[in-house]
Amino acid sequence: MAILVPVTMQGVSVASRAGLLGQRKAAAMRIAERVLDEQIVMGQIGTAVPYGSIVEGDLSFPWTLKSDPWPEDTVISLNVVSVRVEFTVQGNTYEVTASTLHDPLAVPTVTTSTSVVSATTL
């Protein structure tokens, strides 16, 4: 019994940490994708503050945005835009990164739609 209890507790601790790490990693990736999408859609890459923090639940996820020229491109001048989000699990810091290619010369277009409601009376 004295041997079994510590081994079992270690297994429970490892399983708990793995589950928590998976949940926080998924949340951090959602945040990275959201920040990346918002920066591109709003046309703020290169002009907005390249860092921030988003609170989800009772956790804070600090993020940083980086835009560098894509080394494979010599014609179109595309940039690699990356958002890195950090999170902690049981005192250890982890990070996830979401990246995409972006054309800095492209103008983002935002479309809106309006609906027309007509009423007829008899």
Protein backbone atom coordinates (compact mmCIF):
# COMPACT_ATOMS: atom_id res chain seq x y z
CA MET A 1 0.00 0.00 0.00
CA ALA A 2 2.86 2.38 0.83
CA ILE A 3 4.25 1.89 -2.68
CA LEU A 4 0.93 2.03 -4.51
CA VAL A 5 -0.42 5.34 -3.10
CA PRO A 6 2.52 7.61 -4.19
CA VAL A 7 2.59 6.03 -7.66
CA THR A 8 -1.17 6.51 -8.04
CA MET A 9 -0.99 10.13 -6.88
CA GLN A 10 1.80 10.83 -9.37
CA GLY A 11 -0.34 9.34 -12.15
CA VAL A 12 -3.32 11.49 -11.16
CA SER A 13 -1.10 14.58 -11.08
CA VAL A 14 0.28 13.86 -14.56
CA ALA A 15 -3.20 13.23 -15.98
CA SER A 16 -4.55 16.42 -14.39
CA ARG A 17 -1.68 18.47 -15.79
CA ALA A 18 -2.12 16.99 -19.27
CA GLY A 19 -5.84 17.78 -19.27
CA LEU A 20 -5.28 21.33 -18.05
CA LEU A 21 -2.49 21.86 -20.59
CA GLY A 22 -4.77 20.71 -23.42
CA GLN A 23 -7.60 23.03 -22.34
CA ARG A 24 -5.33 26.06 -22.02
CA LYS A 25 -3.55 25.32 -25.27
CA ALA A 26 -6.91 25.20 -27.10
CA ALA A 27 -7.96 28.50 -25.50
CA ALA A 28 -4.63 30.12 -26.38
CA MET A 29 -4.92 28.97 -30.01
CA ARG A 30 -8.47 30.38 -30.25
CA ILE A 31 -7.16 33.70 -28.96
CA ALA A 32 -4.19 33.68 -31.36
CA GLU A 33 -6.47 33.03 -34.34
CA ARG A 34 -8.94 35.71 -33.19
CA VAL A 35 -6.21 38.35 -32.76
CA LEU A 36 -4.70 37.44 -36.12
CA ASP A 37 -8.07 37.65 -37.88
CA GLU A 38 -8.99 40.95 -36.21
CA GLN A 39 -5.67 42.59 -37.05
CA ILE A 40 -5.93 41.57 -40.71
CA VAL A 41 -9.62 42.46 -41.15
CA MET A 42 -9.22 45.83 -39.46
CA GLY A 43 -6.09 46.57 -41.51
CA GLN A 44 -4.05 47.27 -38.39
CA ILE A 45 -0.99 45.14 -39.07
CA GLY A 46 2.00 47.42 -38.73
CA THR A 47 -0.02 50.31 -37.26
CA ALA A 48 -1.61 48.93 -34.08
CA VAL A 49 0.13 48.10 -30.82
CA PRO A 50 1.81 44.70 -31.40
CA TYR A 51 0.98 43.26 -28.00
CA GLY A 52 -1.88 42.92 -25.58
CA SER A 53 -3.65 40.61 -23.21
CA ILE A 54 -7.01 38.88 -23.42
CA VAL A 55 -8.84 37.60 -20.38
CA GLU A 56 -10.86 34.42 -20.76
CA GLY A 57 -12.60 33.28 -17.62
CA ASP A 58 -10.20 33.96 -14.78
CA LEU A 59 -7.07 33.55 -16.92
CA SER A 60 -5.08 36.19 -18.75
CA PHE A 61 -3.43 35.33 -22.07
CA PRO A 62 -0.73 37.84 -23.12
CA TRP A 63 -0.16 37.98 -26.89
CA THR A 64 2.39 39.54 -29.24
CA LEU A 65 2.09 40.16 -32.97
CA LYS A 66 5.04 40.06 -35.35
CA SER A 67 5.19 40.76 -39.09
CA ASP A 68 8.26 39.87 -41.13
CA PRO A 69 8.92 39.65 -44.87
CA TRP A 70 8.33 36.18 -46.25
CA PRO A 71 11.77 34.96 -47.36
CA GLU A 72 10.34 32.72 -50.11
CA ASP A 73 8.72 35.67 -51.89
CA THR A 74 10.70 37.94 -54.19
CA VAL A 75 7.88 39.23 -56.40
CA ILE A 76 4.72 40.02 -54.44
CA SER A 77 6.26 41.20 -51.13
CA LEU A 78 4.15 39.11 -48.79
CA ASN A 79 4.66 39.19 -45.03
CA VAL A 80 4.48 36.37 -42.52
CA VAL A 81 2.25 37.59 -39.69
CA SER A 82 2.45 35.63 -36.44
CA VAL A 83 0.61 35.93 -33.14
CA ARG A 84 2.21 34.27 -30.13
CA VAL A 85 0.07 33.65 -27.03
CA GLU A 86 1.55 32.61 -23.68
CA PHE A 87 -0.14 30.70 -20.87
CA THR A 88 0.87 28.99 -17.67
CA VAL A 89 0.06 25.56 -16.28
CA GLN A 90 1.19 24.71 -12.75
CA GLY A 91 3.95 27.32 -12.75
CA ASN A 92 5.35 26.49 -16.20
CA THR A 93 4.99 28.89 -19.13
CA TYR A 94 3.93 27.57 -22.54
CA GLU A 95 3.14 29.27 -25.83
CA VAL A 96 1.28 28.71 -29.09
CA THR A 97 1.76 30.57 -32.37
CA ALA A 98 -0.63 31.14 -35.26
CA SER A 99 0.79 32.46 -38.54
CA THR A 100 -0.46 33.43 -41.97
CA LEU A 101 0.73 35.19 -45.10
CA HIS A 102 -0.46 38.76 -45.59
CA ASP A 103 -0.19 41.16 -48.51
CA PRO A 104 0.47 44.59 -46.98
CA LEU A 105 -0.65 46.28 -50.21
CA ALA A 106 -4.07 44.64 -50.21
CA VAL A 107 -6.87 46.81 -48.92
CA PRO A 108 -9.26 44.95 -46.64
CA THR A 109 -12.87 45.19 -47.69
CA VAL A 110 -15.66 45.08 -45.20
CA THR A 111 -19.11 44.53 -46.57
CA THR A 112 -22.31 45.26 -44.78
CA SER A 113 -25.77 44.22 -45.71
CA THR A 114 -29.08 45.83 -45.00
CA SER A 115 -32.43 44.19 -45.14
CA VAL A 116 -35.53 45.85 -46.45
CA VAL A 117 -38.82 45.01 -44.84
CA SER A 118 -41.98 45.94 -46.66
CA ALA A 119 -45.42 45.77 -45.16
CA THR A 120 -48.68 45.82 -47.02
CA THR A 121 -52.03 46.61 -45.52
CA LEU A 122 -55.31 45.38 -46.81
